[in-house]
Structure formats: C-alpha cells, structure tokens
C-alpha atoms as a PDB file:
ATOM      1  CA  MET A   1     -99.428  37.754  -8.310  1.00  0.00           C
ATOM      2  CA  LYS A   2     -95.944  36.777  -7.211  1.00  0.00           C
ATOM      3  CA  LYS A   3     -94.446  33.382  -7.546  1.00  0.00           C
ATOM      4  CA  GLY A   4     -92.095  32.079  -4.888  1.00  0.00           C
ATOM      5  CA  PHE A   5     -90.434  28.751  -4.542  1.00  0.00           C
ATOM      6  CA  GLY A   6     -91.594  25.952  -2.308  1.00  0.00           C
ATOM      7  CA  ILE A   7     -89.199  23.120  -1.596  1.00  0.00           C
ATOM      8  CA  THR A   8     -90.693  19.665  -1.482  1.00  0.00           C
ATOM      9  CA  LEU A   9     -88.781  16.787   0.060  1.00  0.00           C
ATOM     10  CA  MET A  10     -89.984  13.436  -1.255  1.00  0.00           C
ATOM     11  CA  PHE A  11     -89.073  10.436   0.832  1.00  0.00           C
ATOM     12  CA  LEU A  12     -88.154   8.148  -2.024  1.00  0.00           C
ATOM     13  CA  PHE A  13     -84.893   6.691  -0.763  1.00  0.00           C
ATOM     14  CA  ASN A  14     -82.223   5.143  -2.903  1.00  0.00           C
ATOM     15  CA  PHE A  15     -78.476   4.653  -2.953  1.00  0.00           C
ATOM     16  CA  ASN A  16     -76.151   6.340  -5.348  1.00  0.00           C
ATOM     17  CA  PHE A  17     -72.564   5.321  -6.111  1.00  0.00           C
ATOM     18  CA  ILE A  18     -70.851   8.443  -7.363  1.00  0.00           C
ATOM     19  CA  GLN A  19     -67.972   8.251  -9.772  1.00  0.00           C
ATOM     20  CA  LEU A  20     -67.324  11.809 -10.870  1.00  0.00           C
ATOM     21  CA  GLN A  21     -64.271  13.072 -12.661  1.00  0.00           C
ATOM     22  CA  ALA A  22     -63.797  16.494 -11.117  1.00  0.00           C
ATOM     23  CA  GLN A  23     -61.539  18.287  -8.690  1.00  0.00           C
ATOM     24  CA  ALA A  24     -63.430  21.534  -8.496  1.00  0.00           C
ATOM     25  CA  VAL A  25     -63.709  23.122  -5.060  1.00  0.00           C
ATOM     26  CA  PRO A  26     -66.555  23.674  -4.465  1.00  0.00           C
ATOM     27  CA  ALA A  27     -67.638  20.729  -6.608  1.00  0.00           C
ATOM     28  CA  LYS A  28     -70.500  21.052  -9.068  1.00  0.00           C
ATOM     29  CA  ASN A  29     -72.575  18.452  -7.217  1.00  0.00           C
ATOM     30  CA  GLU A  30     -72.254  20.470  -3.980  1.00  0.00           C
ATOM     31  CA  ASN A  31     -74.032  23.480  -5.549  1.00  0.00           C
ATOM     32  CA  ILE A  32     -71.998  25.959  -3.505  1.00  0.00           C
ATOM     33  CA  PRO A  33     -71.075  29.174  -5.343  1.00  0.00           C
ATOM     34  CA  PHE A  34     -67.785  30.131  -3.633  1.00  0.00           C
ATOM     35  CA  LEU A  35     -65.332  29.493  -0.853  1.00  0.00           C
ATOM     36  CA  VAL A  36     -64.980  32.554   1.400  1.00  0.00           C
ATOM     37  CA  THR A  37     -62.019  33.883   3.393  1.00  0.00           C
ATOM     38  CA  PHE A  38     -62.216  37.295   5.064  1.00  0.00           C
ATOM     39  CA  GLY A  39     -59.395  39.628   5.946  1.00  0.00           C
ATOM     40  CA  ASN A  40     -58.168  39.188   9.509  1.00  0.00           C
ATOM     41  CA  LYS A  41     -59.724  42.462  10.706  1.00  0.00           C
ATOM     42  CA  ALA A  42     -63.271  41.471   9.720  1.00  0.00           C
ATOM     43  CA  GLU A  43     -66.091  41.096  12.196  1.00  0.00           C
ATOM     44  CA  LYS A  44     -66.801  37.419  12.742  1.00  0.00           C
ATOM     45  CA  ASN A  45     -70.546  37.836  12.321  1.00  0.00           C
ATOM     46  CA  TRP A  46     -69.857  38.442   8.633  1.00  0.00           C
ATOM     47  CA  GLY A  47     -69.453  34.680   8.418  1.00  0.00           C
ATOM     48  CA  ASP A  48     -65.796  33.669   8.839  1.00  0.00           C
ATOM     49  CA  ASP A  49     -64.754  32.391  12.262  1.00  0.00           C
ATOM     50  CA  ASP A  50     -60.966  32.225  11.726  1.00  0.00           C
ATOM     51  CA  TYR A  51     -60.027  33.976   8.422  1.00  0.00           C
ATOM     52  CA  ASN A  52     -58.579  30.757   7.046  1.00  0.00           C
ATOM     53  CA  GLN A  53     -59.358  27.868   4.698  1.00  0.00           C
ATOM     54  CA  ILE A  54     -57.295  24.689   4.341  1.00  0.00           C
ATOM     55  CA  VAL A  55     -57.891  22.416   1.338  1.00  0.00           C
ATOM     56  CA  PHE A  56     -56.113  19.122   0.621  1.00  0.00           C
ATOM     57  CA  PHE A  57     -55.695  17.634  -2.855  1.00  0.00           C
ATOM     58  CA  SER A  58     -54.942  13.949  -3.447  1.00  0.00           C
ATOM     59  CA  LEU A  59     -53.437  12.387  -6.579  1.00  0.00           C
ATOM     60  CA  PRO A  60     -53.154   8.647  -7.251  1.00  0.00           C
ATOM     61  CA  LYS A  61     -49.644   7.194  -7.352  1.00  0.00           C
ATOM     62  CA  GLU A  62     -50.219   6.421 -11.040  1.00  0.00           C
ATOM     63  CA  GLN A  63     -50.217  10.156 -11.831  1.00  0.00           C
ATOM     64  CA  LYS A  64     -46.782  10.778 -13.346  1.00  0.00           C
ATOM     65  CA  THR A  65     -47.277  13.985 -15.308  1.00  0.00           C
ATOM     66  CA  PRO A  66     -47.328  17.486 -13.797  1.00  0.00           C
ATOM     67  CA  PHE A  67     -50.549  19.097 -12.615  1.00  0.00           C
ATOM     68  CA  TYR A  68     -51.749  22.588 -11.688  1.00  0.00           C
ATOM     69  CA  ILE A  69     -53.763  24.233  -8.914  1.00  0.00           C
ATOM     70  CA  ARG A  70     -55.960  26.872 -10.525  1.00  0.00           C
ATOM     71  CA  ILE A  71     -57.551  29.658  -8.448  1.00  0.00           C
ATOM     72  CA  PHE A  72     -60.526  31.603  -9.798  1.00  0.00           C
ATOM     73  CA  ASP A  73     -60.788  35.268  -8.748  1.00  0.00           C
ATOM     74  CA  PRO A  74     -58.007  35.207  -6.115  1.00  0.00           C
ATOM     75  CA  ASN A  75     -57.958  38.984  -5.629  1.00  0.00           C
ATOM     76  CA  ILE A  76     -60.161  40.898  -3.172  1.00  0.00           C
ATOM     77  CA  GLY A  77     -61.987  43.497  -5.220  1.00  0.00           C
ATOM     78  CA  GLY A  78     -64.381  43.686  -8.114  1.00  0.00           C
ATOM     79  CA  LYS A  79     -67.355  41.643  -9.198  1.00  0.00           C
ATOM     80  CA  TYR A  80     -67.538  38.696  -6.801  1.00  0.00           C
ATOM     81  CA  ASP A  81     -65.912  39.780  -3.549  1.00  0.00           C
ATOM     82  CA  GLU A  82     -67.606  41.298  -0.501  1.00  0.00           C
ATOM     83  CA  ASN A  83     -66.827  44.975  -0.005  1.00  0.00           C
ATOM     84  CA  LYS A  84     -66.869  46.372   3.529  1.00  0.00           C
ATOM     85  CA  GLY A  85     -66.503  50.110   2.955  1.00  0.00           C
ATOM     86  CA  GLY A  86     -63.777  50.042   0.329  1.00  0.00           C
ATOM     87  CA  PHE A  87     -61.502  47.171  -0.641  1.00  0.00           C
ATOM     88  CA  ASN A  88     -58.427  47.268   1.595  1.00  0.00           C
ATOM     89  CA  SER A  89     -57.681  43.584   2.175  1.00  0.00           C
ATOM     90  CA  SER A  90     -55.247  40.873   1.184  1.00  0.00           C
ATOM     91  CA  SER A  91     -55.257  37.076   1.073  1.00  0.00           C
ATOM     92  CA  THR A  92     -52.278  34.742   0.887  1.00  0.00           C
ATOM     93  CA  PHE A  93     -52.508  31.407  -0.950  1.00  0.00           C
ATOM     94  CA  SER A  94     -49.737  28.942   0.000  1.00  0.00           C
ATOM     95  CA  LEU A  95     -49.234  25.469  -1.470  1.00  0.00           C
ATOM     96  CA  TYR A  96     -47.392  22.786   0.524  1.00  0.00           C
ATOM     97  CA  GLY A  97     -46.132  19.337  -0.467  1.00  0.00           C
ATOM     98  CA  ALA A  98     -44.060  16.725   1.384  1.00  0.00           C
ATOM     99  CA  GLY A  99     -44.707  16.723   5.125  1.00  0.00           C
ATOM    100  CA  CYS A 100     -47.879  18.807   4.780  1.00  0.00           C
ATOM    101  CA  PHE A 101     -50.302  16.507   6.594  1.00  0.00           C
ATOM    102  CA  SER A 102     -50.485  16.737  10.385  1.00  0.00           C
ATOM    103  CA  GLU A 103     -51.237  13.964  12.867  1.00  0.00           C
ATOM    104  CA  LYS A 104     -53.007  16.642  14.919  1.00  0.00           C
ATOM    105  CA  ASP A 105     -56.492  17.029  13.455  1.00  0.00           C
ATOM    106  CA  GLU A 106     -56.883  20.631  14.574  1.00  0.00           C
ATOM    107  CA  GLU A 107     -53.817  21.669  12.547  1.00  0.00           C
ATOM    108  CA  ASN A 108     -55.542  20.369   9.421  1.00  0.00           C
ATOM    109  CA  LYS A 109     -58.649  22.444  10.193  1.00  0.00           C
ATOM    110  CA  ASP A 110     -57.691  25.706  11.921  1.00  0.00           C
ATOM    111  CA  PRO A 111     -54.853  28.257  11.765  1.00  0.00           C
ATOM    112  CA  ILE A 112     -53.332  27.034  15.029  1.00  0.00           C
ATOM    113  CA  GLY A 113     -50.199  25.108  15.895  1.00  0.00           C
ATOM    114  CA  ASN A 114     -48.051  24.042  12.963  1.00  0.00           C
ATOM    115  CA  TYR A 115     -50.818  24.308  10.367  1.00  0.00           C
ATOM    116  CA  LYS A 116     -48.322  25.477   7.725  1.00  0.00           C
ATOM    117  CA  LYS A 117     -46.102  22.422   8.086  1.00  0.00           C
ATOM    118  CA  GLY A 118     -44.704  20.873   4.938  1.00  0.00           C
ATOM    119  CA  ASN A 119     -42.444  21.844   2.073  1.00  0.00           C
ATOM    120  CA  LEU A 120     -43.592  25.209   0.704  1.00  0.00           C
ATOM    121  CA  ILE A 121     -43.945  24.883  -3.074  1.00  0.00           C
ATOM    122  CA  ASN A 122     -45.344  28.311  -3.861  1.00  0.00           C
ATOM    123  CA  SER A 123     -47.084  31.247  -2.205  1.00  0.00           C
ATOM    124  CA  LYS A 124     -48.681  34.455  -3.427  1.00  0.00           C
ATOM    125  CA  THR A 125     -50.493  37.333  -1.740  1.00  0.00           C
ATOM    126  CA  PHE A 126     -53.357  39.064  -3.553  1.00  0.00           C
ATOM    127  CA  GLY A 127     -54.915  42.458  -2.918  1.00  0.00           C
ATOM    128  CA  ALA A 128     -57.343  44.398  -5.084  1.00  0.00           C
ATOM    129  CA  GLU A 129     -55.404  43.961  -8.359  1.00  0.00           C
ATOM    130  CA  THR A 130     -57.906  44.142 -11.209  1.00  0.00           C
ATOM    131  CA  ILE A 131     -55.761  41.873 -13.394  1.00  0.00           C
ATOM    132  CA  TYR A 132     -56.991  38.885 -11.370  1.00  0.00           C
ATOM    133  CA  ASP A 133     -60.651  39.907 -11.070  1.00  0.00           C
ATOM    134  CA  GLY A 134     -62.805  37.137 -12.508  1.00  0.00           C
ATOM    135  CA  LYS A 135     -59.684  35.429 -13.900  1.00  0.00           C
ATOM    136  CA  TRP A 136     -57.716  32.269 -13.138  1.00  0.00           C
ATOM    137  CA  PHE A 137     -54.331  32.288 -11.416  1.00  0.00           C
ATOM    138  CA  VAL A 138     -52.208  29.128 -11.603  1.00  0.00           C
ATOM    139  CA  PHE A 139     -49.718  27.382  -9.331  1.00  0.00           C
ATOM    140  CA  GLY A 140     -47.641  24.967 -11.388  1.00  0.00           C
ATOM    141  CA  PRO A 141     -46.507  22.893 -13.094  1.00  0.00           C
ATOM    142  CA  ILE A 142     -46.212  20.678 -10.008  1.00  0.00           C
ATOM    143  CA  ASN A 143     -44.544  17.267  -9.878  1.00  0.00           C
ATOM    144  CA  PRO A 144     -46.876  14.783  -8.106  1.00  0.00           C
ATOM    145  CA  LEU A 145     -43.816  13.319  -6.339  1.00  0.00           C
ATOM    146  CA  GLU A 146     -43.457  16.628  -4.466  1.00  0.00           C
ATOM    147  CA  GLY A 147     -46.481  15.657  -2.359  1.00  0.00           C
ATOM    148  CA  GLU A 148     -46.681  13.598   0.822  1.00  0.00           C
ATOM    149  CA  TYR A 149     -47.408   9.966  -0.030  1.00  0.00           C
ATOM    150  CA  LEU A 150     -50.290   8.716   2.137  1.00  0.00           C
ATOM    151  CA  PRO A 151     -52.034   5.727   0.491  1.00  0.00           C
ATOM    152  CA  ASN A 152     -54.881   5.777   3.017  1.00  0.00           C
ATOM    153  CA  LEU A 153     -55.743   9.311   1.871  1.00  0.00           C
ATOM    154  CA  GLY A 154     -55.636   8.535  -1.832  1.00  0.00           C
ATOM    155  CA  GLY A 155     -51.986   8.879  -2.822  1.00  0.00           C
ATOM    156  CA  TYR A 156     -49.846  12.019  -2.989  1.00  0.00           C
ATOM    157  CA  ILE A 157     -51.224  14.809  -0.776  1.00  0.00           C
ATOM    158  CA  PHE A 158     -50.848  18.558  -1.239  1.00  0.00           C
ATOM    159  CA  LYS A 159     -52.197  21.289   1.039  1.00  0.00           C
ATOM    160  CA  LEU A 160     -53.435  24.728   0.016  1.00  0.00           C
ATOM    161  CA  VAL A 161     -53.637  27.206   2.908  1.00  0.00           C
ATOM    162  CA  VAL A 162     -55.605  30.418   2.382  1.00  0.00           C
ATOM    163  CA  ASP A 163     -55.130  33.132   5.015  1.00  0.00           C
ATOM    164  CA  GLY A 164     -56.838  36.491   5.256  1.00  0.00           C
ATOM    165  CA  THR A 165     -53.741  38.566   5.987  1.00  0.00           C
ATOM    166  CA  SER A 166     -55.114  42.114   6.196  1.00  0.00           C
ATOM    167  CA  GLY A 167     -58.282  44.181   5.971  1.00  0.00           C
ATOM    168  CA  ASP A 168     -61.923  43.296   6.538  1.00  0.00           C
ATOM    169  CA  ASP A 169     -63.299  42.371   3.095  1.00  0.00           C
ATOM    170  CA  GLY A 170     -64.476  38.958   1.949  1.00  0.00           C
ATOM    171  CA  ASN A 171     -62.515  37.050  -0.700  1.00  0.00           C
ATOM    172  CA  LEU A 172     -64.773  34.769  -2.741  1.00  0.00           C
ATOM    173  CA  TYR A 173     -62.915  32.253  -4.901  1.00  0.00           C
ATOM    174  CA  ARG A 174     -62.972  28.762  -6.413  1.00  0.00           C
ATOM    175  CA  LEU A 175     -60.270  26.126  -6.955  1.00  0.00           C
ATOM    176  CA  PHE A 176     -59.537  23.423  -9.508  1.00  0.00           C
ATOM    177  CA  MET A 177     -56.838  20.743  -9.713  1.00  0.00           C
ATOM    178  CA  SER A 178     -56.114  20.318 -13.410  1.00  0.00           C
ATOM    179  CA  VAL A 179     -53.716  18.627 -15.811  1.00  0.00           C
ATOM    180  CA  LYS A 180     -53.745  21.836 -17.887  1.00  0.00           C
ATOM    181  CA  ASP A 181     -52.618  25.314 -16.914  1.00  0.00           C
ATOM    182  CA  ASP A 182     -55.172  27.047 -19.129  1.00  0.00           C
ATOM    183  CA  ASP A 183     -58.238  24.815 -18.735  1.00  0.00           C
ATOM    184  CA  ASN A 184     -60.083  22.841 -16.066  1.00  0.00           C
ATOM    185  CA  ILE A 185     -59.226  19.254 -17.000  1.00  0.00           C
ATOM    186  CA  PRO A 186     -59.401  16.976 -13.933  1.00  0.00           C
ATOM    187  CA  VAL A 187     -56.680  14.625 -12.767  1.00  0.00           C
ATOM    188  CA  GLU A 188     -58.036  11.116 -13.247  1.00  0.00           C
ATOM    189  CA  GLY A 189     -58.538   9.486  -9.859  1.00  0.00           C
ATOM    190  CA  GLY A 190     -57.842  12.711  -7.960  1.00  0.00           C
ATOM    191  CA  ASN A 191     -59.914  14.223  -5.186  1.00  0.00           C
ATOM    192  CA  ALA A 192     -60.043  17.167  -2.794  1.00  0.00           C
ATOM    193  CA  PHE A 193     -61.068  17.282   0.847  1.00  0.00           C
ATOM    194  CA  MET A 194     -61.157  19.583   3.859  1.00  0.00           C
ATOM    195  CA  TYR A 195     -61.990  19.412   7.545  1.00  0.00           C
ATOM    196  CA  GLU A 196     -63.753  22.770   7.814  1.00  0.00           C
ATOM    197  CA  TYR A 197     -65.738  24.414   5.052  1.00  0.00           C
ATOM    198  CA  SER A 198     -66.161  28.208   4.840  1.00  0.00           C
ATOM    199  CA  PHE A 199     -68.469  29.128   1.984  1.00  0.00           C
ATOM    200  CA  ARG A 200     -71.129  31.436   0.565  1.00  0.00           C
ATOM    201  CA  LEU A 201     -74.746  30.303   0.620  1.00  0.00           C
ATOM    202  CA  ASN A 202     -76.729  30.632  -2.584  1.00  0.00           C
ATOM    203  CA  GLU A 203     -78.740  33.832  -2.824  1.00  0.00           C
ATOM    204  CA  SER A 204     -81.796  32.118  -4.286  1.00  0.00           C
ATOM    205  CA  GLN A 205     -83.782  29.290  -2.748  1.00  0.00           C
ATOM    206  CA  GLN A 206     -81.608  26.335  -3.691  1.00  0.00           C
ATOM    207  CA  ILE A 207     -80.169  23.202  -2.091  1.00  0.00           C
ATOM    208  CA  SER A 208     -76.470  22.668  -1.425  1.00  0.00           C
ATOM    209  CA  HIS A 209     -74.757  19.432  -0.348  1.00  0.00           C
ATOM    210  CA  LEU A 210     -71.852  18.494   1.903  1.00  0.00           C
ATOM    211  CA  TYR A 211     -70.447  14.943   1.965  1.00  0.00           C
ATOM    212  CA  PRO A 212     -68.596  14.038   5.197  1.00  0.00           C
ATOM    213  CA  TYR A 213     -67.089  10.544   5.232  1.00  0.00           C
ATOM    214  CA  ILE A 214     -68.057   8.128   8.045  1.00  0.00           C
ATOM    215  CA  ASP A 215     -65.416   5.491   8.785  1.00  0.00           C
ATOM    216  CA  GLN A 216     -65.951   1.984  10.172  1.00  0.00           C
ATOM    217  CA  ASN A 217     -65.450   3.091  13.791  1.00  0.00           C
ATOM    218  CA  THR A 218     -67.896   5.993  13.889  1.00  0.00           C
ATOM    219  CA  ILE A 219     -70.938   5.513  16.129  1.00  0.00           C
ATOM    220  CA  SER A 220     -72.025   9.155  16.410  1.00  0.00           C
ATOM    221  CA  VAL A 221     -71.361  12.520  14.812  1.00  0.00           C
ATOM    222  CA  LYS A 222     -71.669  16.064  16.106  1.00  0.00           C
ATOM    223  CA  GLN A 223     -72.122  18.833  13.578  1.00  0.00           C
ATOM    224  CA  PHE A 224     -71.151  22.470  14.106  1.00  0.00           C
ATOM    225  CA  ASN A 225     -72.321  25.351  11.929  1.00  0.00           C
ATOM    226  CA  PHE A 226     -71.565  29.058  12.243  1.00  0.00           C
ATOM    227  CA  ASP A 227     -73.520  32.197  11.319  1.00  0.00           C
ATOM    228  CA  PHE A 228     -76.374  30.644   9.331  1.00  0.00           C
ATOM    229  CA  ASP A 229     -78.533  33.655  10.317  1.00  0.00           C
ATOM    230  CA  ASN A 230     -81.618  31.395  10.355  1.00  0.00           C
ATOM    231  CA  ASP A 231     -81.463  31.731   6.569  1.00  0.00           C
ATOM    232  CA  ALA A 232     -81.414  27.992   5.791  1.00  0.00           C
ATOM    233  CA  TYR A 233     -82.080  24.654   7.404  1.00  0.00           C
ATOM    234  CA  ILE A 234     -79.948  21.515   7.321  1.00  0.00           C
ATOM    235  CA  LYS A 235     -81.063  17.913   6.769  1.00  0.00           C
ATOM    236  CA  LEU A 236     -78.840  14.926   7.501  1.00  0.00           C
ATOM    237  CA  ILE A 237     -79.456  11.992   5.173  1.00  0.00           C
ATOM    238  CA  ALA A 238     -77.805   8.699   6.103  1.00  0.00           C
ATOM    239  CA  MET A 239     -78.205   5.099   5.015  1.00  0.00           C
ATOM    240  CA  SER A 240     -80.089   4.415   8.258  1.00  0.00           C
ATOM    241  CA  GLN A 241     -82.587   7.261   7.984  1.00  0.00           C
ATOM    242  CA  PRO A 242     -84.290   9.278   5.239  1.00  0.00           C
ATOM    243  CA  GLY A 243     -83.707  12.698   6.766  1.00  0.00           C
ATOM    244  CA  LEU A 244     -83.137  14.405  10.095  1.00  0.00           C
ATOM    245  CA  ARG A 245     -83.411  18.130  10.755  1.00  0.00           C
ATOM    246  CA  LEU A 246     -80.258  19.546  12.368  1.00  0.00           C
ATOM    247  CA  ALA A 247     -79.732  22.501  14.669  1.00  0.00           C
ATOM    248  CA  THR A 248     -78.763  25.661  12.794  1.00  0.00           C
ATOM    249  CA  SER A 249     -77.077  28.805  14.037  1.00  0.00           C
ATOM    250  CA  ALA A 250     -78.174  32.413  14.288  1.00  0.00           C
ATOM    251  CA  ASP A 251     -76.123  35.523  13.520  1.00  0.00           C
ATOM    252  CA  GLY A 252     -72.471  35.327  14.582  1.00  0.00           C
ATOM    253  CA  VAL A 253     -72.816  32.243  16.787  1.00  0.00           C
ATOM    254  CA  TRP A 254     -72.277  28.488  16.540  1.00  0.00           C
ATOM    255  CA  GLY A 255     -75.053  25.911  16.454  1.00  0.00           C
ATOM    256  CA  ASN A 256     -74.493  22.190  16.990  1.00  0.00           C
ATOM    257  CA  SER A 257     -76.285  18.887  17.421  1.00  0.00           C
ATOM    258  CA  LEU A 258     -75.333  15.266  18.181  1.00  0.00           C
ATOM    259  CA  HIS A 259     -76.579  12.327  16.098  1.00  0.00           C
ATOM    260  CA  PRO A 260     -76.063   8.546  16.447  1.00  0.00           C
ATOM    261  CA  MET A 261     -74.829   6.509  13.485  1.00  0.00           C
ATOM    262  CA  LYS A 262     -75.669   2.882  12.742  1.00  0.00           C
ATOM    263  CA  LYS A 263     -73.598   0.117  11.198  1.00  0.00           C
ATOM    264  CA  GLN A 264     -75.029   0.669   7.721  1.00  0.00           C
ATOM    265  CA  ASP A 265     -73.850   4.285   7.859  1.00  0.00           C
ATOM    266  CA  GLN A 266     -70.205   3.302   8.293  1.00  0.00           C
ATOM    267  CA  LYS A 267     -67.780   3.502   5.344  1.00  0.00           C
ATOM    268  CA  THR A 268     -70.159   5.809   3.472  1.00  0.00           C
ATOM    269  CA  CYS A 269     -70.620   9.529   3.035  1.00  0.00           C
ATOM    270  CA  LEU A 270     -73.501  11.353   4.656  1.00  0.00           C
ATOM    271  CA  ASP A 271     -75.447  13.795   2.523  1.00  0.00           C
ATOM    272  CA  LEU A 272     -75.963  17.059   4.397  1.00  0.00           C
ATOM    273  CA  LEU A 273     -78.596  19.107   2.598  1.00  0.00           C
ATOM    274  CA  ILE A 274     -78.437  22.848   3.171  1.00  0.00           C
ATOM    275  CA  VAL A 275     -81.799  24.198   2.094  1.00  0.00           C
ATOM    276  CA  LYS A 276     -81.801  27.944   1.515  1.00  0.00           C
ATOM    277  CA  MET A 277     -85.177  29.356   2.527  1.00  0.00           C
ATOM    278  CA  GLY A 278     -84.652  33.090   2.993  1.00  0.00           C
ATOM    279  CA  THR A 279     -83.740  35.866   0.603  1.00  0.00           C
ATOM    280  CA  GLN A 280     -80.674  37.158   2.421  1.00  0.00           C
ATOM    281  CA  SER A 281     -77.710  37.923   0.187  1.00  0.00           C
ATOM    282  CA  ASN A 282     -74.013  37.752   1.085  1.00  0.00           C
ATOM    283  CA  ASN A 283     -74.596  35.054   3.699  1.00  0.00           C
ATOM    284  CA  ASN A 284     -71.308  33.318   4.519  1.00  0.00           C
ATOM    285  CA  VAL A 285     -71.175  30.279   6.801  1.00  0.00           C
ATOM    286  CA  VAL A 286     -68.759  27.755   8.321  1.00  0.00           C
ATOM    287  CA  PHE A 287     -69.336  24.037   8.846  1.00  0.00           C
ATOM    288  CA  TYR A 288     -67.440  21.129  10.417  1.00  0.00           C
ATOM    289  CA  ILE A 289     -68.313  17.760  11.926  1.00  0.00           C
ATOM    290  CA  VAL A 290     -66.620  15.417  14.430  1.00  0.00           C
ATOM    291  CA  ASN A 291     -67.108  11.808  15.519  1.00  0.00           C
ATOM    292  CA  GLN A 292     -67.475  10.461  19.065  1.00  0.00           C
ATOM    293  CA  ARG A 293     -63.686  10.659  19.502  1.00  0.00           C
ATOM    294  CA  ASP A 294     -63.714  14.381  18.587  1.00  0.00           C
ATOM    295  CA  GLN A 295     -61.865  13.600  15.358  1.00  0.00           C
ATOM    296  CA  PHE A 296     -62.688  15.922  12.478  1.00  0.00           C
ATOM    297  CA  LEU A 297     -64.373  14.286   9.492  1.00  0.00           C
ATOM    298  CA  GLN A 298     -63.357  14.992   5.911  1.00  0.00           C
ATOM    299  CA  PHE A 299     -65.643  16.696   3.403  1.00  0.00           C
ATOM    300  CA  HIS A 300     -64.875  15.205  -0.031  1.00  0.00           C
ATOM    301  CA  SER A 301     -65.480  16.938  -3.347  1.00  0.00           C
ATOM    302  CA  ILE A 302     -66.035  13.494  -4.836  1.00  0.00           C
ATOM    303  CA  PRO A 303     -68.022  11.415  -2.313  1.00  0.00           C
ATOM    304  CA  ILE A 304     -66.315   8.171  -1.301  1.00  0.00           C
ATOM    305  CA  GLY A 305     -68.322   4.974  -1.772  1.00  0.00           C
ATOM    306  CA  ALA A 306     -72.077   5.042  -1.376  1.00  0.00           C
ATOM    307  CA  ILE A 307     -74.126   8.063  -0.439  1.00  0.00           C
ATOM    308  CA  PRO A 308     -77.816   8.036   0.460  1.00  0.00           C
ATOM    309  CA  LYS A 309     -80.031  10.123  -1.778  1.00  0.00           C
ATOM    310  CA  LYS A 310     -83.477  11.494  -1.270  1.00  0.00           C
ATOM    311  CA  LEU A 311     -85.276  13.009  -4.221  1.00  0.00           C
ATOM    312  CA  ILE A 312     -85.619  16.749  -3.858  1.00  0.00           C
ATOM    313  CA  GLY A 313     -88.282  18.573  -5.798  1.00  0.00           C
ATOM    314  CA  ILE A 314     -88.265  22.356  -6.183  1.00  0.00           C
ATOM    315  CA  LYS A 315     -91.388  23.756  -7.757  1.00  0.00           C
ATOM    316  CA  PRO A 316     -92.981  27.194  -8.101  1.00  0.00           C
ATOM    317  CA  VAL A 317     -95.671  28.009  -5.559  1.00  0.00           C
ATOM    318  CA  LYS A 318     -98.211  30.758  -6.148  1.00  0.00           C
ATOM    319  CA  LYS A 319     -98.346  33.419  -3.460  1.00  0.00           C
END
C-alpha cells in the first residue's frame, strides 16, 4: 500500500507580523529551492522566459561596515544544475551600485532598455568549472556607501543582474547578503526584493510562498505565471479574503488572472501559496504581478508589515 500526500487547507485566518533576520534569496520562509537562469540558447518551455534574473539588495543607512554578496553554486555543471545534453553554458553575475535603480519599471524586471544602468562594482562569468560546484563565490567586501541611496526602498540599494550568456543549460543557484565573506550572517535591517521571480519548484508535494507588497494606492492586481505545466496550483491570500484560486499556466505559455484588492489589503504583503501537486521534476517557472497602473510589484524576501496567514496542514493519505 502506497502512501501519498494530501494537502489540507484549513480556513483558520490570522495575521502575522514577520520580523526575520535573513537576506537569503530565496528566503527560508519562501520554501523555494533555487533561482534558475538558463543559457540564452535554451528553449523557453524549459521554464525561463528571458534568460535573466534581477535582484535588488537594500541596506539601512546605519550600516557602516562592509558587506558581501555570496552566490551558492554559480557555475553551470555538476550536482544541482540542469543538463541539456552536455554542459556547454555560461552565466554572468554583475553587481551594480550608485545609479542602479531605474524609474522605468520594466528595466528593473527584464533585460531590456538600460537594465544594466549603475556603477559596475564587480562582474564574473561562470561556465562548468568544478571548483564552484556546490560552493560559495563571494563579491566583496563592498562599502554600503557605494549603493544608490533611496530611503523609500530601505536605504542603500544594490542590483545583481544574472544573465544567461551562452548555451542551453539551466543554472540553479542561491544568494545571500552577509556581513561575513565565509559565512551567511545577515545584515541587520537589510532586505532583498525583485520584480520578476524565476525559480525551481519543489520536486515533492510542498508549499512555497511569494510575498508581493501592496501599496496604499493599489485597488487591483494582475498576476502572470509562466510554464507551470499544470504541476501546481496557486492560492492568493489577502487580508480581505481567506484564499482565492488563481489561473495557472500550461507548458511553455503564460497564465494570468485579475483580482480586486480592498482597503485592508493596502500597505501589506499578499501571501501567494504555490502548492505543488504533481511529481514532475526539474519544473522551472516565472512569476510577476502588476497593479491597476501596470506597475510591477516587489517580491520581498522579508515581508513588509503584516501578511495574512492561513494554516496549511500536510498529512499522509493512504492510497
């Protein structure tokens, strides 16, 4: 007799004020295994729509000592990465400081326009070098004052741009903003955010979370997801409602749906639950969300303010 997993959603609704000290990307509370960036010759139905990931890091103005951006498994080859007939790919990681943030939302999300604007602090291209397989590579030490000072975004802003620069393999990696070069020690008061999230779904039946921030002027949101392969479903949990099923995409296409927001949802983070139901492995997806003005919303590693929570029970089910 086999045992599977049934996922029970219990509609006990409460409010959780998160104060986490972490700048891991993906964050532990998101339960996402890896970011994913494919080489620029990959087929898009492998789960990457633009072969690019842009991540912003914010440091409070009180941070005076140097910090580091640590990258886990930056190469494309070996244990974690996705092999498409022999590793032949490269990825370039570029860190930008002053002047890095664009007033054009799309340049903060996609590799179009002047998306590499800002003072280039460091850049490195990785191939299949085994020396980096399953290891950490470090940019730094970095002076916080090298960033772009934007108080409304949390302080000094830095931008990490990851481009798939050759080949067709998938680069799976994680990031951490740390005060140490040889350990993951978070910057107190720091955060990370992005406008589009390209990531690997869990292989087992688990629940992942995304936390887009809703500002005081948002009255509706439209979510877009790419290449879910009908392998998971998405629930939107807001202060105004305990859970709403969202449209999900099939293989190599976008899915989207529009949802109104109420006053109590403003100045909070939504909790987007991605519930893995199938058994498909190597499923990579892309997600972004806009408001009624077509402005891209930020996904925060550390949710801002209040987030609605619904208790999720996962229990074995006999089959």
